[in-house]
Amino acid sequence: MARVVIIGAGFAGLEVAKALGKAGIAATVVDRRNYHLFQPLLYQVATAALAATDIAEPIRKILRPYPSVQVLFAEVVGIDAAARKIRLSDGKSLGYDYLVLAAGSRTSYFGNDKWGSLALGLKSIEDSRRIRSELLRAFENAERASDPAEQDRLMSVAIIGGGPTGVELAGSIAELSRFTLARDFRRIRPQDARIMLIEGGPRLLPGFSRKLADYARARLQKLGVIVETNQTVDYIGEKEFGFAGKKIPVGLVIWAAGVGPSPLGRMIGSPTDRAGRVVVGPNLQVSGQSEIFALGDIAYLEDEDGKALPGLAQVAKQQGIHLGRGLADLIIEGKPIQPFRYRSRGNTAIVGRHAAIFETGRFSLKGWFAWLAWAVIHVYLLVGFQHRVIVTTQWLWRYLTYERGARVIAFDDLDHRGSRTKIDADPTASL
C-alpha cells in the first residue's frame, strides 16, 4: 500500500487524514504542535473572551477513530522531492509515496522582519496569550503610573491591518476596555483607552462590498475606535509607532496586516507565486511533481474567474475533503483525482457586540442577524462537541453580562519585546 505523509494538521490536513483513515489507507500526519487550532477564534483568546483550550483539540484525539492514521509530533525542516523523503528537526527522515503539503501560513511583515519583536502577529496560541498578557498588563501598569501622559500611552493600542482579523481585534479590544475593564479599575478610566486601526488601503475589509465595509467602519467608530485608511505604517519602536510622518506613543502594537505561506513550499523546487505559495493544478497537484499535493494557505490556485482562492478556513476544509477522497480513490482504484471546485459559504466578520457582516454572492446581512450567522458558522466549524457547548455558553454569558472569563496574565510569560517578566498567575491557564 502507498505511503502517504501529510504535513500539517490544520483544516486541510485533518480532512485528508480522515478521508484516508475511513478508507483504511496508511497515512502519517506530521505537525510541530500536538493540537489542531481553530484560528478564526484566536482573536477571542487574545482579548480574554475565550481560553486557549476552548479552540484547540489534540490531534491524536481527533484521529483516534482511524487506526491506519499515525500522528507524528515533529517539525519538518527539509523536503527532498527527488528522494521522496522529508527531514525532521531531530535528524531523522521519513519516506513517502504521496506527500500532502498543508502546513498553513505564518505572519508576514513584508520585509520588515525586525518589527516581529515589536508588533505581535496572531497566528498561534502563544501569540494570542502574549497579546492578552501584554494588553492586560498595560492597563495594570497604567493603574500604577502617576504621569497622565504615561497612562495615556499605556492605554493606547495600535492594530495594523484592516482585514477581518484587524477589525475583529479592534472591536473586541474596544468592548473589553469600554465595558468589562471599566468596572475594575479605580485610578484610570479604561473606557478612555485609545484603540487605533490602521489600514494601508482605501477602505477596511477589501474582501467585502463597500456597503458592508462602511457599516463595519461606522460600528467601530461608534465603539470609539480611531480608523485610519490610506496610511502605511513606516516605523515601529519600543513605545511608539509612526505613519504619515508622525509618531504616536503607544503601549501595544498588534500586527494584522498580512500573512505568508509556510517556507516548506519553497523546498520542493516547484513554481511559487510572489508570496511563496506553491502553484498547483486544478486537482491540487503541484506543478511538475505528480506525487506531491498542496492545499490551504500554502497553495496557489485560481478559481473559474482567474482569481486566487482566499486563505480561508472553508477553502482549506473543502480542499482537504476533496483531496482526501480523491487520493483514496487514486490509491485503491487508480481513479484520477478530479478538478477541485470551491463553493463559497459566504464571508463573515464580527464588528462588536451583536454586530457583524455576512456576505455570499449578492446576498448580505449586517447587524444582529449577521452576528447570529457568524456565531452559528464558527460553532459548527469547531472540532469537538464539548468545544461547541463551552464556546456557546461563554458567548451567551458574555452577551448577557459583558464579562470576560479568561482575563489571565500568563505567568513567567515572554513579552513581545524579548524581555522576561515574572507575573503571578494561575498556572492552570496555560494550554
Protein backbone atom coordinates (compact mmCIF):
# COMPACT_ATOMS: atom_id res chain seq x y z
CA MET A 1 0.00 0.00 0.00
CA ALA A 2 1.22 3.53 -0.80
CA ARG A 3 2.77 5.58 1.97
CA VAL A 4 1.07 8.96 2.46
CA VAL A 5 2.63 11.73 4.54
CA ILE A 6 0.59 14.79 5.47
CA ILE A 7 2.46 17.84 6.75
CA GLY A 8 0.17 19.96 8.90
CA ALA A 9 -2.94 19.22 10.96
CA GLY A 10 -4.97 22.31 10.16
CA PHE A 11 -8.37 22.20 8.47
CA ALA A 12 -6.95 20.86 5.20
CA GLY A 13 -4.56 18.27 6.60
CA LEU A 14 -7.09 16.83 9.02
CA GLU A 15 -9.73 16.35 6.34
CA VAL A 16 -7.25 14.50 4.13
CA ALA A 17 -6.22 12.29 7.06
CA LYS A 18 -9.82 11.47 8.00
CA ALA A 19 -10.75 10.54 4.43
CA LEU A 20 -7.72 8.27 4.12
CA GLY A 21 -8.46 6.80 7.55
CA LYS A 22 -12.02 5.98 6.56
CA ALA A 23 -10.63 4.13 3.54
CA GLY A 24 -8.14 2.22 5.70
CA ILE A 25 -5.13 3.73 3.92
CA ALA A 26 -1.91 4.11 5.91
CA ALA A 27 -1.05 7.78 6.44
CA THR A 28 1.25 9.74 8.73
CA VAL A 29 0.33 13.23 9.92
CA VAL A 30 3.34 15.34 10.92
CA ASP A 31 2.87 18.53 12.92
CA ARG A 32 5.13 20.54 15.21
CA ARG A 33 2.22 21.01 17.60
CA ASN A 34 0.14 18.27 19.15
CA TYR A 35 -3.16 20.08 18.73
CA HIS A 36 -5.45 21.34 15.99
CA LEU A 37 -6.12 25.07 16.36
CA PHE A 38 -9.28 26.88 15.32
CA GLN A 39 -7.54 30.03 14.12
CA PRO A 40 -10.66 32.11 13.30
CA LEU A 41 -11.29 32.50 17.05
CA LEU A 42 -7.70 33.25 18.10
CA TYR A 43 -8.56 36.91 18.50
CA GLN A 44 -11.07 35.96 21.20
CA VAL A 45 -8.30 34.29 23.19
CA ALA A 46 -6.15 37.39 22.69
CA THR A 47 -8.92 39.62 24.05
CA ALA A 48 -9.78 37.43 27.06
CA ALA A 49 -13.12 36.21 25.73
CA LEU A 50 -12.13 32.54 25.47
CA ALA A 51 -9.44 30.33 26.95
CA ALA A 52 -6.87 28.69 24.70
CA THR A 53 -8.26 25.23 25.42
CA ASP A 54 -11.67 26.28 24.07
CA ILE A 55 -10.35 26.46 20.50
CA ALA A 56 -7.75 23.66 20.48
CA GLU A 57 -8.15 19.89 20.30
CA PRO A 58 -5.42 17.22 20.50
CA ILE A 59 -4.67 15.81 17.04
CA ARG A 60 -4.48 12.27 18.36
CA LYS A 61 -7.96 12.58 19.83
CA ILE A 62 -9.42 13.82 16.54
CA LEU A 63 -7.82 10.99 14.57
CA ARG A 64 -8.42 8.31 17.22
CA PRO A 65 -11.19 6.61 15.19
CA TYR A 66 -8.80 5.93 12.29
CA PRO A 67 -6.31 3.14 13.19
CA SER A 68 -4.48 3.42 9.85
CA VAL A 69 -3.50 7.05 10.56
CA GLN A 70 -0.37 7.71 12.60
CA VAL A 71 0.41 11.06 14.23
CA LEU A 72 4.00 12.23 14.48
CA PHE A 73 4.78 15.15 16.81
CA ALA A 74 7.76 16.60 14.95
CA GLU A 75 8.96 19.58 12.93
CA VAL A 76 9.76 19.26 9.23
CA VAL A 77 12.94 21.13 8.26
CA GLY A 78 13.54 19.84 4.76
CA ILE A 79 11.96 18.10 1.78
CA ASP A 80 13.90 16.03 -0.73
CA ALA A 81 11.43 15.66 -3.58
CA ALA A 82 13.84 13.63 -5.71
CA ALA A 83 14.37 11.02 -2.99
CA ARG A 84 10.76 11.32 -1.77
CA LYS A 85 11.78 11.99 1.80
CA ILE A 86 11.15 14.66 4.42
CA ARG A 87 13.73 15.60 7.04
CA LEU A 88 12.76 16.22 10.65
CA SER A 89 14.41 18.51 13.19
CA ASP A 90 15.72 15.53 15.20
CA GLY A 91 17.80 14.41 12.21
CA LYS A 92 15.53 11.56 11.19
CA SER A 93 13.85 11.24 7.79
CA LEU A 94 10.53 9.88 6.61
CA GLY A 95 9.85 8.41 3.17
CA TYR A 96 6.65 8.80 1.21
CA ASP A 97 4.91 7.77 -2.00
CA TYR A 98 2.50 10.69 -1.80
CA LEU A 99 3.12 13.94 0.06
CA VAL A 100 0.42 16.40 1.10
CA LEU A 101 1.62 19.90 1.98
CA ALA A 102 -0.90 21.54 4.32
CA ALA A 103 1.48 23.47 6.55
CA GLY A 104 -0.56 26.69 6.59
CA SER A 105 0.82 30.20 6.92
CA ARG A 106 2.78 32.49 9.20
CA THR A 107 2.84 36.20 9.98
CA SER A 108 4.46 38.31 7.27
CA TYR A 109 5.96 41.74 7.96
CA PHE A 110 6.56 42.44 4.27
CA GLY A 111 10.32 42.63 4.59
CA ASN A 112 10.35 44.46 7.93
CA ASP A 113 11.20 41.37 9.96
CA LYS A 114 12.74 43.47 12.76
CA TRP A 115 9.20 44.55 13.62
CA GLY A 116 8.43 40.99 14.67
CA SER A 117 9.78 41.64 18.17
CA LEU A 118 7.81 44.89 18.49
CA ALA A 119 4.43 44.09 16.93
CA LEU A 120 2.83 40.75 17.72
CA GLY A 121 1.14 38.79 14.99
CA LEU A 122 -1.78 36.46 15.67
CA LYS A 123 -1.17 33.00 14.21
CA SER A 124 -0.74 30.75 17.24
CA ILE A 125 -1.93 30.16 20.79
CA GLU A 126 1.39 31.54 22.00
CA ASP A 127 0.74 34.76 20.06
CA SER A 128 -2.78 35.10 21.45
CA ARG A 129 -1.65 34.55 25.03
CA ARG A 130 1.15 37.10 24.70
CA ILE A 131 -1.24 39.67 23.25
CA ARG A 132 -3.70 39.03 26.08
CA SER A 133 -0.96 39.30 28.72
CA GLU A 134 0.54 42.46 27.22
CA LEU A 135 -2.89 44.05 26.81
CA LEU A 136 -3.98 43.37 30.39
CA ARG A 137 -0.55 44.24 31.74
CA ALA A 138 -0.71 47.63 30.02
CA PHE A 139 -3.84 48.53 31.98
CA GLU A 140 -2.29 47.23 35.21
CA ASN A 141 0.81 49.36 34.62
CA ALA A 142 -1.35 52.38 33.80
CA GLU A 143 -3.15 51.93 37.14
CA ARG A 144 0.23 52.22 38.90
CA ALA A 145 1.59 55.09 36.79
CA SER A 146 1.45 58.62 38.22
CA ASP A 147 2.15 60.51 34.99
CA PRO A 148 -1.07 61.13 32.98
CA ALA A 149 0.87 61.08 29.71
CA GLU A 150 2.30 57.67 30.55
CA GLN A 151 -1.15 56.42 31.48
CA ASP A 152 -2.45 57.57 28.10
CA ARG A 153 0.44 55.86 26.29
CA LEU A 154 -0.08 52.58 28.10
CA MET A 155 -3.80 52.63 27.28
CA SER A 156 -3.14 53.19 23.58
CA VAL A 157 -3.33 50.17 21.29
CA ALA A 158 -2.46 50.20 17.59
CA ILE A 159 -3.75 47.45 15.30
CA ILE A 160 -2.10 47.42 11.88
CA GLY A 161 -4.22 45.91 9.13
CA GLY A 162 -7.90 46.44 8.35
CA GLY A 163 -8.84 42.95 7.22
CA PRO A 164 -11.17 40.66 9.20
CA THR A 165 -8.56 39.94 11.91
CA GLY A 166 -7.79 43.62 12.46
CA VAL A 167 -11.45 44.61 12.51
CA GLU A 168 -12.39 41.82 14.91
CA LEU A 169 -9.47 42.64 17.20
CA ALA A 170 -10.29 46.35 17.24
CA GLY A 171 -13.95 45.76 18.09
CA SER A 172 -13.18 43.18 20.76
CA ILE A 173 -10.48 45.27 22.46
CA ALA A 174 -12.75 48.32 22.41
CA GLU A 175 -15.54 46.37 24.10
CA LEU A 176 -13.11 44.87 26.61
CA SER A 177 -11.90 48.31 27.69
CA ARG A 178 -15.22 50.20 27.41
CA PHE A 179 -17.42 47.70 29.20
CA THR A 180 -15.55 44.97 31.08
CA LEU A 181 -12.39 46.65 32.40
CA ALA A 182 -14.17 49.95 33.02
CA ARG A 183 -15.70 48.47 36.19
CA ASP A 184 -12.47 47.02 37.58
CA PHE A 185 -10.04 49.93 37.99
CA ARG A 186 -10.00 52.89 40.38
CA ARG A 187 -7.27 55.31 39.21
CA ILE A 188 -7.68 55.03 35.45
CA ARG A 189 -10.62 55.05 33.04
CA PRO A 190 -10.20 52.08 30.68
CA GLN A 191 -13.16 53.35 28.69
CA ASP A 192 -10.92 56.23 27.57
CA ALA A 193 -8.39 53.85 26.05
CA ARG A 194 -7.30 54.84 22.54
CA ILE A 195 -7.80 51.97 20.08
CA MET A 196 -6.37 52.72 16.62
CA LEU A 197 -6.91 50.66 13.47
CA ILE A 198 -4.51 51.48 10.64
CA GLU A 199 -5.13 50.26 7.09
CA GLY A 200 -2.86 50.91 4.10
CA GLY A 201 -5.67 50.56 1.54
CA PRO A 202 -8.53 52.95 0.79
CA ARG A 203 -11.03 51.09 2.99
CA LEU A 204 -11.45 48.36 5.57
CA LEU A 205 -12.35 44.78 4.64
CA PRO A 206 -11.50 44.80 0.92
CA GLY A 207 -12.95 41.28 0.57
CA PHE A 208 -16.44 42.63 1.31
CA SER A 209 -18.71 45.03 -0.54
CA ARG A 210 -18.27 48.76 0.02
CA LYS A 211 -21.65 48.93 1.80
CA LEU A 212 -20.71 46.32 4.41
CA ALA A 213 -17.19 47.72 4.81
CA ASP A 214 -18.65 51.17 5.51
CA TYR A 215 -21.05 49.66 8.04
CA ALA A 216 -18.15 47.95 9.82
CA ARG A 217 -16.21 51.21 9.95
CA ALA A 218 -19.19 53.10 11.36
CA ARG A 219 -19.74 50.44 14.05
CA LEU A 220 -16.09 50.56 15.08
CA GLN A 221 -16.15 54.32 15.27
CA LYS A 222 -19.28 54.13 17.41
CA LEU A 223 -17.24 51.99 19.81
CA GLY A 224 -14.62 54.74 19.88
CA VAL A 225 -12.10 53.08 17.57
CA ILE A 226 -9.96 55.53 15.59
CA VAL A 227 -9.87 54.27 12.00
CA GLU A 228 -7.15 55.46 9.61
CA THR A 229 -7.20 54.32 5.98
CA ASN A 230 -4.73 55.04 3.16
CA GLN A 231 -1.99 55.11 5.78
CA THR A 232 1.12 52.94 5.65
CA VAL A 233 2.99 52.35 8.90
CA ASP A 234 6.66 53.23 8.41
CA TYR A 235 8.01 52.97 11.94
CA ILE A 236 7.52 50.76 14.98
CA GLY A 237 9.57 51.34 18.13
CA GLU A 238 9.55 50.27 21.76
CA LYS A 239 6.99 52.84 22.88
CA GLU A 240 5.67 54.39 19.68
CA PHE A 241 4.77 53.76 16.08
CA GLY A 242 4.57 56.06 13.11
CA PHE A 243 2.81 56.77 9.83
CA ALA A 244 2.39 59.82 7.57
CA GLY A 245 5.43 61.49 9.11
CA LYS A 246 4.14 61.44 12.68
CA LYS A 247 4.98 59.27 15.67
CA ILE A 248 2.35 58.25 18.21
CA PRO A 249 3.08 56.95 21.74
CA VAL A 250 1.57 53.52 22.20
CA GLY A 251 1.52 50.75 24.78
CA LEU A 252 0.91 47.81 22.42
CA VAL A 253 1.16 47.25 18.67
CA ILE A 254 -0.59 44.28 17.07
CA TRP A 255 0.21 43.23 13.51
CA ALA A 256 -2.79 42.06 11.45
CA ALA A 257 -1.58 43.35 8.09
CA GLY A 258 -0.72 40.12 6.37
CA VAL A 259 0.40 36.52 6.38
CA GLY A 260 2.75 34.48 4.24
CA PRO A 261 2.82 30.75 3.47
CA SER A 262 4.98 28.26 5.32
CA PRO A 263 8.57 28.21 3.95
CA LEU A 264 8.21 24.48 3.30
CA GLY A 265 6.61 25.25 -0.04
CA ARG A 266 9.87 26.58 -1.46
CA MET A 267 11.76 23.40 -0.51
CA ILE A 268 10.26 21.18 -3.19
CA GLY A 269 11.72 23.14 -6.10
CA SER A 270 8.42 23.80 -7.85
CA PRO A 271 7.00 27.14 -9.08
CA THR A 272 5.59 29.52 -6.47
CA ASP A 273 3.84 32.86 -6.66
CA ARG A 274 5.43 36.08 -5.38
CA ALA A 275 4.25 35.35 -1.84
CA GLY A 276 5.80 31.87 -1.85
CA ARG A 277 2.63 29.85 -2.30
CA VAL A 278 3.08 26.64 -4.28
CA VAL A 279 1.36 26.74 -7.67
CA VAL A 280 -1.00 23.78 -8.04
CA GLY A 281 -3.20 22.47 -10.80
CA PRO A 282 -6.98 22.04 -10.65
CA ASN A 283 -6.56 18.66 -8.93
CA LEU A 284 -4.32 20.28 -6.25
CA GLN A 285 -1.24 18.56 -7.69
CA VAL A 286 2.00 20.53 -7.52
CA SER A 287 3.30 21.60 -10.90
CA GLY A 288 5.91 19.08 -12.09
CA GLN A 289 5.51 16.84 -9.03
CA SER A 290 2.96 14.12 -9.66
CA GLU A 291 3.27 12.67 -6.14
CA ILE A 292 3.03 15.98 -4.21
CA PHE A 293 -0.15 17.89 -3.46
CA ALA A 294 -0.56 21.27 -1.76
CA LEU A 295 -3.66 22.84 -0.29
CA GLY A 296 -4.80 25.52 2.12
CA ASP A 297 -2.74 28.65 2.75
CA ILE A 298 0.41 27.13 1.26
CA ALA A 299 -1.18 26.60 -2.18
CA TYR A 300 -1.93 28.99 -5.04
CA LEU A 301 -4.97 28.04 -7.09
CA GLU A 302 -7.18 30.23 -9.23
CA ASP A 303 -10.95 29.93 -9.47
CA GLU A 304 -13.01 29.94 -12.67
CA ASP A 305 -12.70 33.74 -12.87
CA GLY A 306 -8.91 33.68 -12.67
CA LYS A 307 -8.79 34.96 -9.08
CA ALA A 308 -6.64 33.29 -6.44
CA LEU A 309 -8.65 31.40 -3.84
CA PRO A 310 -8.58 33.23 -0.49
CA GLY A 311 -6.81 31.92 2.60
CA LEU A 312 -9.98 30.97 4.46
CA ALA A 313 -10.79 28.03 6.69
CA GLN A 314 -13.66 26.99 4.44
CA VAL A 315 -11.35 26.86 1.41
CA ALA A 316 -8.83 24.66 3.24
CA LYS A 317 -11.55 22.39 4.61
CA GLN A 318 -13.18 21.88 1.22
CA GLN A 319 -9.82 21.20 -0.42
CA GLY A 320 -8.96 18.68 2.29
CA ILE A 321 -12.23 16.79 1.82
CA HIS A 322 -11.82 16.78 -1.96
CA LEU A 323 -8.19 15.65 -1.96
CA GLY A 324 -8.73 13.06 0.77
CA ARG A 325 -11.49 11.33 -1.15
CA GLY A 326 -9.68 11.68 -4.47
CA LEU A 327 -6.39 10.37 -3.12
CA ALA A 328 -8.16 7.36 -1.59
CA ASP A 329 -9.76 6.55 -4.96
CA LEU A 330 -6.42 7.01 -6.71
CA ILE A 331 -4.60 4.63 -4.37
CA ILE A 332 -7.30 1.95 -4.18
CA GLU A 333 -8.84 2.04 -7.65
CA GLY A 334 -6.40 4.05 -9.74
CA LYS A 335 -9.00 6.72 -10.50
CA PRO A 336 -7.57 10.15 -11.38
CA ILE A 337 -8.25 12.99 -8.97
CA GLN A 338 -10.93 15.31 -10.30
CA PRO A 339 -10.56 19.11 -10.50
CA PHE A 340 -11.40 20.97 -7.32
CA ARG A 341 -14.29 23.43 -7.34
CA TYR A 342 -14.62 25.86 -4.45
CA ARG A 343 -18.14 26.61 -3.26
CA SER A 344 -18.20 29.69 -1.10
CA ARG A 345 -20.35 29.50 2.02
CA GLY A 346 -20.05 33.26 2.38
CA ASN A 347 -17.68 35.64 4.12
CA THR A 348 -18.33 36.92 7.61
CA ALA A 349 -16.65 39.16 10.17
CA ILE A 350 -17.74 40.32 13.60
CA VAL A 351 -17.55 44.03 14.40
CA GLY A 352 -18.69 44.10 18.01
CA ARG A 353 -21.44 43.06 20.39
CA HIS A 354 -24.32 41.62 18.29
CA ALA A 355 -22.93 43.38 15.21
CA ALA A 356 -21.37 41.59 12.27
CA ILE A 357 -21.39 41.42 8.49
CA PHE A 358 -22.14 38.42 6.31
CA GLU A 359 -21.97 38.21 2.53
CA THR A 360 -22.43 35.46 -0.03
CA GLY A 361 -22.88 36.33 -3.68
CA ARG A 362 -25.46 39.07 -3.94
CA PHE A 363 -26.97 38.26 -0.56
CA SER A 364 -25.71 40.12 2.50
CA LEU A 365 -26.60 40.69 6.14
CA LYS A 366 -25.45 43.16 8.75
CA GLY A 367 -26.16 43.74 12.40
CA TRP A 368 -27.64 41.22 14.82
CA PHE A 369 -28.74 38.63 12.23
CA ALA A 370 -25.26 38.64 10.68
CA TRP A 371 -23.78 38.22 14.17
CA LEU A 372 -26.02 35.20 14.71
CA ALA A 373 -24.95 33.73 11.36
CA TRP A 374 -21.29 34.33 12.29
CA ALA A 375 -21.78 32.54 15.62
CA VAL A 376 -23.55 29.55 14.07
CA ILE A 377 -20.87 29.14 11.38
CA HIS A 378 -18.00 29.30 13.86
CA VAL A 379 -19.61 26.95 16.35
CA TYR A 380 -20.30 24.47 13.55
CA LEU A 381 -16.67 24.55 12.38
CA LEU A 382 -15.27 23.93 15.86
CA VAL A 383 -13.82 20.45 16.27
CA GLY A 384 -15.30 18.54 19.21
CA PHE A 385 -18.82 18.68 20.64
CA GLN A 386 -17.57 19.82 24.04
CA HIS A 387 -15.96 22.89 22.47
CA ARG A 388 -19.21 23.84 20.78
CA VAL A 389 -21.09 23.66 24.08
CA ILE A 390 -18.42 25.57 26.03
CA VAL A 391 -17.99 28.33 23.46
CA THR A 392 -21.74 28.77 23.02
CA THR A 393 -22.16 29.05 26.80
CA GLN A 394 -19.29 31.53 27.03
CA TRP A 395 -20.77 33.72 24.30
CA LEU A 396 -24.20 33.67 25.90
CA TRP A 397 -22.71 34.66 29.26
CA ARG A 398 -20.72 37.49 27.65
CA TYR A 399 -23.79 38.68 25.78
CA LEU A 400 -25.83 38.95 28.99
CA THR A 401 -23.13 40.29 31.35
CA TYR A 402 -20.26 41.83 29.29
CA GLU A 403 -17.92 39.67 31.38
CA ARG A 404 -14.69 38.13 30.04
CA GLY A 405 -13.75 34.95 31.90
CA ALA A 406 -10.17 34.49 30.64
CA ARG A 407 -8.59 37.70 31.96
CA VAL A 408 -5.36 35.99 32.97
CA ILE A 409 -1.87 37.42 32.62
CA ALA A 410 0.23 34.36 31.81
CA PHE A 411 2.84 33.66 34.45
CA ASP A 412 6.50 33.96 33.52
CA ASP A 413 5.39 34.98 30.04
CA LEU A 414 7.84 36.16 27.41
CA ASP A 415 6.72 39.57 26.27
CA HIS A 416 6.92 40.55 22.64
CA ARG A 417 9.93 42.80 23.13
CA GLY A 418 12.11 39.89 24.18
CA SER A 419 12.35 40.50 27.93
CA ARG A 420 11.12 38.05 30.53
CA THR A 421 8.86 39.34 33.27
CA LYS A 422 7.71 37.42 36.32
CA ILE A 423 3.93 37.58 36.65
CA ASP A 424 1.82 35.89 39.29
CA ALA A 425 -0.97 33.96 37.66
CA ASP A 426 -3.00 30.81 37.71
CA PRO A 427 -0.76 28.05 36.30
CA THR A 428 -3.82 26.19 35.07
CA ALA A 429 -4.38 28.90 32.47
CA SER A 430 -1.78 27.53 30.08
CA LEU A 431 -2.84 25.10 27.37
